Amino acid sequence: MLLALIAPLAFSARSLQEEAPAPAFRKLQAKMTIEYCSKNTGSELLPCKEEVFLQTLKGLSKEERQKKISDAVAYIEEKRKKRVALAMHEDVKFIYDEFCAKKKETSEICSNDELKSFVNNPIDLGKYKNQGYSSVYE
């Protein structure tokens, strides 16, 4: 039963690792954020604390604008993946806790120390370091 609950999550985790192109609207989101943050440099909004969003697009060549927007899109995508990974880990822990509350320690799943350690410890987000995140998002 637990396998049926966790299997879709495992598939989702694998699909996170595959590099799918960003949705088309992501460029507009990046452009909007750059324009807002470059005009509001004192803003306390989290994106406005990131260098990728602070330089205005005005005065840049077409190639420079496209590169800047691409960099911002990459930043947004990585941030999104990190948040999804955190949410998925919390969901798996909830499923594990619910499952093991009913099965006690008699099931193979609940008595597996490696699985128990994984769900009871925070997810290692070290793989996301140096990919456009500041400590604000950790």
N, C-alpha and C. Protein backbone atom coordinates (compact mmCIF):
# COMPACT_ATOMS: atom_id res chain seq x y z
N MET A 1 0.81 -1.19 0.00
CA MET A 1 0.00 0.00 0.00
C MET A 1 0.87 1.27 0.00
N LEU A 2 1.90 1.30 0.87
CA LEU A 2 2.77 2.47 0.92
C LEU A 2 3.47 2.68 -0.40
N LEU A 3 3.88 1.58 -1.03
CA LEU A 3 4.53 1.69 -2.32
C LEU A 3 3.64 2.40 -3.32
N ALA A 4 2.35 2.11 -3.27
CA ALA A 4 1.41 2.77 -4.17
C ALA A 4 1.34 4.26 -3.88
N LEU A 5 1.53 4.65 -2.62
CA LEU A 5 1.49 6.06 -2.26
C LEU A 5 2.80 6.77 -2.59
N ILE A 6 3.93 6.08 -2.42
CA ILE A 6 5.23 6.70 -2.63
C ILE A 6 5.65 6.65 -4.10
N ALA A 7 5.19 5.67 -4.86
CA ALA A 7 5.61 5.52 -6.25
C ALA A 7 5.41 6.79 -7.07
N PRO A 8 4.25 7.46 -6.98
CA PRO A 8 4.11 8.70 -7.75
C PRO A 8 5.11 9.77 -7.31
N LEU A 9 5.45 9.79 -6.03
CA LEU A 9 6.42 10.76 -5.55
C LEU A 9 7.81 10.45 -6.10
N ALA A 10 8.15 9.17 -6.18
CA ALA A 10 9.44 8.79 -6.74
C ALA A 10 9.51 9.17 -8.21
N PHE A 11 8.43 8.96 -8.93
CA PHE A 11 8.40 9.36 -10.33
C PHE A 11 8.56 10.85 -10.45
N SER A 12 7.89 11.60 -9.58
CA SER A 12 8.00 13.06 -9.61
C SER A 12 9.42 13.50 -9.31
N ALA A 13 10.07 12.84 -8.37
CA ALA A 13 11.44 13.20 -8.03
C ALA A 13 12.36 12.95 -9.21
N ARG A 14 12.16 11.84 -9.91
CA ARG A 14 12.97 11.57 -11.09
C ARG A 14 12.72 12.62 -12.15
N SER A 15 11.49 13.02 -12.33
CA SER A 15 11.21 14.00 -13.37
C SER A 15 11.79 15.36 -13.01
N LEU A 16 12.01 15.63 -11.71
CA LEU A 16 12.65 16.87 -11.32
C LEU A 16 14.09 16.92 -11.81
N GLN A 17 14.74 15.75 -11.86
CA GLN A 17 16.12 15.69 -12.27
C GLN A 17 16.27 15.84 -13.77
N GLU A 18 15.25 15.49 -14.52
CA GLU A 18 15.30 15.65 -15.96
C GLU A 18 15.13 17.12 -16.28
N GLU A 19 15.86 17.58 -17.25
CA GLU A 19 15.80 18.99 -17.60
C GLU A 19 14.75 19.24 -18.67
N ALA A 20 13.59 19.61 -18.25
CA ALA A 20 12.53 19.99 -19.17
C ALA A 20 12.64 21.49 -19.40
N PRO A 21 12.29 21.94 -20.59
CA PRO A 21 12.36 23.38 -20.82
C PRO A 21 11.39 24.13 -19.92
N ALA A 22 11.79 25.32 -19.54
CA ALA A 22 10.94 26.15 -18.70
C ALA A 22 9.70 26.56 -19.49
N PRO A 23 8.57 26.72 -18.80
CA PRO A 23 7.37 27.17 -19.50
C PRO A 23 7.60 28.54 -20.14
N ALA A 24 6.89 28.82 -21.22
CA ALA A 24 7.07 30.07 -21.96
C ALA A 24 6.85 31.30 -21.09
N PHE A 25 5.91 31.22 -20.16
CA PHE A 25 5.63 32.38 -19.32
C PHE A 25 6.79 32.72 -18.38
N ARG A 26 7.71 31.79 -18.18
CA ARG A 26 8.82 32.02 -17.24
C ARG A 26 9.69 33.20 -17.70
N LYS A 27 9.84 33.38 -19.03
CA LYS A 27 10.61 34.53 -19.52
C LYS A 27 9.93 35.83 -19.13
N LEU A 28 8.62 35.86 -19.24
CA LEU A 28 7.89 37.07 -18.84
C LEU A 28 7.99 37.29 -17.34
N GLN A 29 7.93 36.21 -16.57
CA GLN A 29 8.08 36.32 -15.12
C GLN A 29 9.46 36.89 -14.78
N ALA A 30 10.49 36.38 -15.45
CA ALA A 30 11.85 36.85 -15.20
C ALA A 30 11.99 38.33 -15.58
N LYS A 31 11.47 38.68 -16.75
CA LYS A 31 11.55 40.07 -17.21
C LYS A 31 10.82 41.01 -16.24
N MET A 32 9.63 40.61 -15.81
CA MET A 32 8.85 41.41 -14.87
C MET A 32 9.62 41.61 -13.57
N THR A 33 10.21 40.53 -13.05
CA THR A 33 10.94 40.60 -11.79
C THR A 33 12.17 41.48 -11.91
N ILE A 34 12.88 41.35 -13.04
CA ILE A 34 14.07 42.19 -13.26
C ILE A 34 13.65 43.66 -13.31
N GLU A 35 12.61 43.95 -14.07
CA GLU A 35 12.17 45.34 -14.20
C GLU A 35 11.74 45.90 -12.84
N TYR A 36 11.01 45.13 -12.07
CA TYR A 36 10.54 45.61 -10.77
C TYR A 36 11.72 45.81 -9.81
N CYS A 37 12.54 44.79 -9.68
CA CYS A 37 13.62 44.84 -8.69
C CYS A 37 14.69 45.87 -9.05
N SER A 38 14.95 46.05 -10.36
CA SER A 38 15.96 47.04 -10.75
C SER A 38 15.49 48.46 -10.45
N LYS A 39 14.18 48.66 -10.38
CA LYS A 39 13.63 49.98 -10.06
C LYS A 39 13.39 50.15 -8.56
N ASN A 40 13.34 49.05 -7.84
CA ASN A 40 13.06 49.06 -6.40
C ASN A 40 14.18 48.35 -5.64
N THR A 41 15.38 48.87 -5.75
CA THR A 41 16.54 48.18 -5.19
C THR A 41 16.50 48.06 -3.67
N GLY A 42 15.72 48.87 -3.02
CA GLY A 42 15.60 48.77 -1.56
C GLY A 42 14.50 47.83 -1.10
N SER A 43 13.85 47.17 -2.05
CA SER A 43 12.74 46.28 -1.71
C SER A 43 13.20 45.14 -0.81
N GLU A 44 12.32 44.75 0.10
CA GLU A 44 12.58 43.62 0.98
C GLU A 44 12.11 42.29 0.39
N LEU A 45 11.53 42.34 -0.80
CA LEU A 45 11.08 41.09 -1.43
C LEU A 45 12.29 40.21 -1.73
N LEU A 46 12.16 38.91 -1.51
CA LEU A 46 13.29 38.00 -1.66
C LEU A 46 13.95 38.05 -3.04
N PRO A 47 13.20 38.05 -4.13
CA PRO A 47 13.89 38.11 -5.43
C PRO A 47 14.74 39.37 -5.59
N CYS A 48 14.32 40.44 -4.98
CA CYS A 48 15.04 41.72 -5.12
C CYS A 48 16.34 41.75 -4.33
N LYS A 49 16.61 40.71 -3.58
CA LYS A 49 17.87 40.61 -2.86
C LYS A 49 18.90 39.82 -3.66
N GLU A 50 18.49 39.33 -4.80
CA GLU A 50 19.37 38.51 -5.64
C GLU A 50 19.93 39.33 -6.79
N GLU A 51 21.22 39.22 -6.99
CA GLU A 51 21.93 39.99 -8.02
C GLU A 51 21.32 39.81 -9.41
N VAL A 52 20.85 38.62 -9.71
CA VAL A 52 20.33 38.33 -11.05
C VAL A 52 19.15 39.23 -11.43
N PHE A 53 18.45 39.78 -10.44
CA PHE A 53 17.28 40.61 -10.72
C PHE A 53 17.52 42.11 -10.55
N LEU A 54 18.71 42.51 -10.17
CA LEU A 54 18.93 43.91 -9.81
C LEU A 54 19.33 44.83 -10.96
N GLN A 55 19.98 44.31 -11.99
CA GLN A 55 20.43 45.16 -13.10
C GLN A 55 19.32 45.34 -14.12
N THR A 56 19.06 46.57 -14.50
CA THR A 56 18.01 46.86 -15.46
C THR A 56 18.33 46.29 -16.84
N LEU A 57 17.31 46.03 -17.60
CA LEU A 57 17.48 45.55 -18.98
C LEU A 57 17.69 46.71 -19.95
N LYS A 58 17.30 47.90 -19.51
CA LYS A 58 17.42 49.09 -20.37
C LYS A 58 18.89 49.36 -20.67
N GLY A 59 19.16 49.68 -21.92
CA GLY A 59 20.51 50.00 -22.34
C GLY A 59 21.36 48.80 -22.70
N LEU A 60 20.85 47.59 -22.49
CA LEU A 60 21.59 46.39 -22.86
C LEU A 60 21.30 46.04 -24.31
N SER A 61 22.26 45.40 -24.96
CA SER A 61 22.02 44.94 -26.33
C SER A 61 21.00 43.80 -26.29
N LYS A 62 20.47 43.45 -27.43
CA LYS A 62 19.48 42.37 -27.50
C LYS A 62 20.05 41.07 -26.94
N GLU A 63 21.30 40.77 -27.30
CA GLU A 63 21.95 39.55 -26.82
C GLU A 63 22.14 39.58 -25.30
N GLU A 64 22.55 40.74 -24.78
CA GLU A 64 22.75 40.88 -23.33
C GLU A 64 21.42 40.74 -22.59
N ARG A 65 20.36 41.34 -23.15
CA ARG A 65 19.02 41.21 -22.53
C ARG A 65 18.59 39.76 -22.50
N GLN A 66 18.76 39.06 -23.63
CA GLN A 66 18.35 37.66 -23.70
C GLN A 66 19.15 36.81 -22.71
N LYS A 67 20.44 37.09 -22.58
CA LYS A 67 21.28 36.34 -21.63
C LYS A 67 20.82 36.61 -20.21
N LYS A 68 20.56 37.88 -19.90
CA LYS A 68 20.12 38.26 -18.55
C LYS A 68 18.79 37.58 -18.22
N ILE A 69 17.86 37.58 -19.16
CA ILE A 69 16.56 36.94 -18.94
C ILE A 69 16.75 35.43 -18.80
N SER A 70 17.62 34.83 -19.62
CA SER A 70 17.88 33.39 -19.50
C SER A 70 18.47 33.04 -18.13
N ASP A 71 19.39 33.87 -17.64
CA ASP A 71 19.96 33.65 -16.32
C ASP A 71 18.88 33.73 -15.24
N ALA A 72 17.98 34.70 -15.37
CA ALA A 72 16.90 34.86 -14.40
C ALA A 72 15.94 33.67 -14.46
N VAL A 73 15.65 33.18 -15.65
CA VAL A 73 14.77 32.01 -15.80
C VAL A 73 15.42 30.80 -15.13
N ALA A 74 16.71 30.61 -15.33
CA ALA A 74 17.41 29.48 -14.70
C ALA A 74 17.33 29.59 -13.18
N TYR A 75 17.49 30.79 -12.65
CA TYR A 75 17.39 31.02 -11.21
C TYR A 75 16.00 30.63 -10.70
N ILE A 76 14.97 31.10 -11.40
CA ILE A 76 13.59 30.82 -10.99
C ILE A 76 13.32 29.32 -11.03
N GLU A 77 13.77 28.64 -12.06
CA GLU A 77 13.55 27.20 -12.18
C GLU A 77 14.23 26.43 -11.06
N GLU A 78 15.46 26.79 -10.72
CA GLU A 78 16.16 26.10 -9.64
C GLU A 78 15.48 26.33 -8.30
N LYS A 79 15.01 27.56 -8.07
CA LYS A 79 14.30 27.87 -6.82
C LYS A 79 13.02 27.04 -6.73
N ARG A 80 12.33 26.92 -7.85
CA ARG A 80 11.09 26.15 -7.89
C ARG A 80 11.38 24.67 -7.58
N LYS A 81 12.42 24.13 -8.17
CA LYS A 81 12.77 22.72 -7.93
C LYS A 81 13.10 22.48 -6.46
N LYS A 82 13.79 23.42 -5.85
CA LYS A 82 14.15 23.26 -4.45
C LYS A 82 12.91 23.23 -3.58
N ARG A 83 11.99 24.15 -3.85
CA ARG A 83 10.76 24.20 -3.04
C ARG A 83 9.93 22.94 -3.24
N VAL A 84 9.88 22.42 -4.46
CA VAL A 84 9.15 21.18 -4.72
C VAL A 84 9.81 20.03 -3.97
N ALA A 85 11.12 19.97 -3.99
CA ALA A 85 11.84 18.91 -3.28
C ALA A 85 11.55 18.95 -1.78
N LEU A 86 11.54 20.16 -1.21
CA LEU A 86 11.22 20.30 0.22
C LEU A 86 9.80 19.84 0.53
N ALA A 87 8.86 20.25 -0.30
CA ALA A 87 7.46 19.87 -0.09
C ALA A 87 7.29 18.36 -0.23
N MET A 88 7.94 17.77 -1.22
CA MET A 88 7.83 16.32 -1.41
C MET A 88 8.40 15.57 -0.21
N HIS A 89 9.52 16.04 0.32
CA HIS A 89 10.12 15.37 1.47
C HIS A 89 9.18 15.44 2.67
N GLU A 90 8.58 16.58 2.88
CA GLU A 90 7.62 16.72 3.98
C GLU A 90 6.43 15.78 3.78
N ASP A 91 5.96 15.65 2.55
CA ASP A 91 4.84 14.75 2.26
C ASP A 91 5.21 13.28 2.50
N VAL A 92 6.42 12.91 2.08
CA VAL A 92 6.86 11.52 2.29
C VAL A 92 6.98 11.24 3.78
N LYS A 93 7.48 12.19 4.54
CA LYS A 93 7.57 12.00 6.00
C LYS A 93 6.17 11.83 6.59
N PHE A 94 5.21 12.64 6.15
CA PHE A 94 3.84 12.51 6.63
C PHE A 94 3.28 11.11 6.31
N ILE A 95 3.48 10.66 5.08
CA ILE A 95 3.00 9.33 4.66
C ILE A 95 3.66 8.25 5.51
N TYR A 96 4.96 8.36 5.70
CA TYR A 96 5.70 7.38 6.51
C TYR A 96 5.16 7.34 7.94
N ASP A 97 5.00 8.51 8.54
CA ASP A 97 4.49 8.58 9.91
C ASP A 97 3.10 7.97 10.03
N GLU A 98 2.23 8.28 9.08
CA GLU A 98 0.87 7.73 9.08
C GLU A 98 0.90 6.22 8.89
N PHE A 99 1.69 5.77 7.93
CA PHE A 99 1.78 4.35 7.63
C PHE A 99 2.32 3.58 8.82
N CYS A 100 3.40 4.07 9.40
CA CYS A 100 4.05 3.35 10.51
C CYS A 100 3.27 3.47 11.81
N ALA A 101 2.44 4.46 11.94
CA ALA A 101 1.58 4.56 13.13
C ALA A 101 0.59 3.40 13.15
N LYS A 102 0.17 2.96 11.97
CA LYS A 102 -0.78 1.86 11.87
C LYS A 102 -0.09 0.50 11.90
N LYS A 103 1.08 0.42 11.28
CA LYS A 103 1.78 -0.86 11.15
C LYS A 103 2.73 -1.14 12.30
N LYS A 104 3.00 -0.13 13.09
CA LYS A 104 4.00 -0.20 14.17
C LYS A 104 5.35 -0.57 13.58
N GLU A 105 6.17 -1.26 14.32
CA GLU A 105 7.51 -1.62 13.84
C GLU A 105 7.53 -3.01 13.21
N THR A 106 6.39 -3.57 12.92
CA THR A 106 6.36 -4.94 12.40
C THR A 106 6.56 -5.01 10.89
N SER A 107 6.37 -3.94 10.19
CA SER A 107 6.51 -4.01 8.74
C SER A 107 7.95 -3.78 8.31
N GLU A 108 8.28 -4.30 7.16
CA GLU A 108 9.62 -4.12 6.60
C GLU A 108 9.92 -2.63 6.38
N ILE A 109 8.92 -1.89 5.98
CA ILE A 109 9.09 -0.46 5.71
C ILE A 109 9.42 0.29 6.99
N CYS A 110 8.68 0.05 8.02
CA CYS A 110 8.86 0.80 9.28
C CYS A 110 10.11 0.39 10.03
N SER A 111 10.60 -0.82 9.80
CA SER A 111 11.79 -1.28 10.52
C SER A 111 13.08 -1.02 9.74
N ASN A 112 12.98 -0.45 8.55
CA ASN A 112 14.17 -0.16 7.75
C ASN A 112 14.83 1.11 8.26
N ASP A 113 16.04 0.95 8.81
CA ASP A 113 16.75 2.09 9.41
C ASP A 113 17.12 3.16 8.39
N GLU A 114 17.48 2.73 7.19
CA GLU A 114 17.87 3.71 6.17
C GLU A 114 16.68 4.60 5.77
N LEU A 115 15.53 4.00 5.55
CA LEU A 115 14.33 4.76 5.21
C LEU A 115 13.92 5.65 6.38
N LYS A 116 13.98 5.09 7.58
CA LYS A 116 13.62 5.86 8.77
C LYS A 116 14.52 7.08 8.92
N SER A 117 15.81 6.90 8.71
CA SER A 117 16.75 8.01 8.80
C SER A 117 16.46 9.06 7.73
N PHE A 118 16.16 8.62 6.51
CA PHE A 118 15.86 9.55 5.41
C PHE A 118 14.65 10.41 5.73
N VAL A 119 13.56 9.80 6.15
CA VAL A 119 12.34 10.58 6.37
C VAL A 119 12.39 11.43 7.64
N ASN A 120 13.20 11.03 8.60
CA ASN A 120 13.26 11.77 9.86
C ASN A 120 14.36 12.83 9.90
N ASN A 121 15.11 12.98 8.84
CA ASN A 121 16.14 14.01 8.77
C ASN A 121 15.81 14.97 7.64
N PRO A 122 16.18 16.21 7.82
CA PRO A 122 15.91 17.19 6.76
C PRO A 122 16.58 16.77 5.46
N ILE A 123 15.93 17.08 4.37
CA ILE A 123 16.48 16.74 3.06
C ILE A 123 17.77 17.53 2.85
N ASP A 124 18.76 16.89 2.23
CA ASP A 124 20.03 17.54 1.94
C ASP A 124 19.88 18.38 0.68
N LEU A 125 19.88 19.67 0.86
CA LEU A 125 19.73 20.57 -0.28
C LEU A 125 21.09 21.05 -0.77
N GLY A 126 22.14 20.39 -0.35
CA GLY A 126 23.49 20.77 -0.78
C GLY A 126 23.65 20.72 -2.29
N LYS A 127 22.89 19.87 -2.94
CA LYS A 127 23.01 19.79 -4.40
C LYS A 127 22.48 21.05 -5.07
N TYR A 128 21.78 21.90 -4.32
CA TYR A 128 21.26 23.14 -4.88
C TYR A 128 22.19 24.32 -4.64
N LYS A 129 23.24 24.13 -3.84
CA LYS A 129 24.16 25.23 -3.57
C LYS A 129 24.87 25.63 -4.86
N ASN A 130 25.25 26.89 -4.92
CA ASN A 130 25.93 27.45 -6.08
C ASN A 130 25.12 27.34 -7.35
N GLN A 131 23.81 27.34 -7.21
CA GLN A 131 22.94 27.28 -8.38
C GLN A 131 21.91 28.41 -8.31
N GLY A 132 22.35 29.56 -7.84
CA GLY A 132 21.46 30.71 -7.85
C GLY A 132 20.68 30.91 -6.57
N TYR A 133 21.07 30.25 -5.48
CA TYR A 133 20.37 30.43 -4.22
C TYR A 133 21.24 31.17 -3.24
N SER A 134 20.64 31.96 -2.46
CA SER A 134 21.35 32.57 -1.34
C SER A 134 20.87 31.84 -0.09
N SER A 135 21.49 32.15 1.02
CA SER A 135 21.10 31.51 2.27
C SER A 135 19.67 31.87 2.65
N VAL A 136 19.12 32.90 2.03
CA VAL A 136 17.73 33.30 2.32
C VAL A 136 16.78 32.14 2.00
N TYR A 137 17.10 31.34 0.99
CA TYR A 137 16.21 30.28 0.56
C TYR A 137 16.54 28.95 1.20
N GLU A 138 17.57 28.88 2.01
CA GLU A 138 17.94 27.58 2.61
C GLU A 138 17.26 27.36 3.91
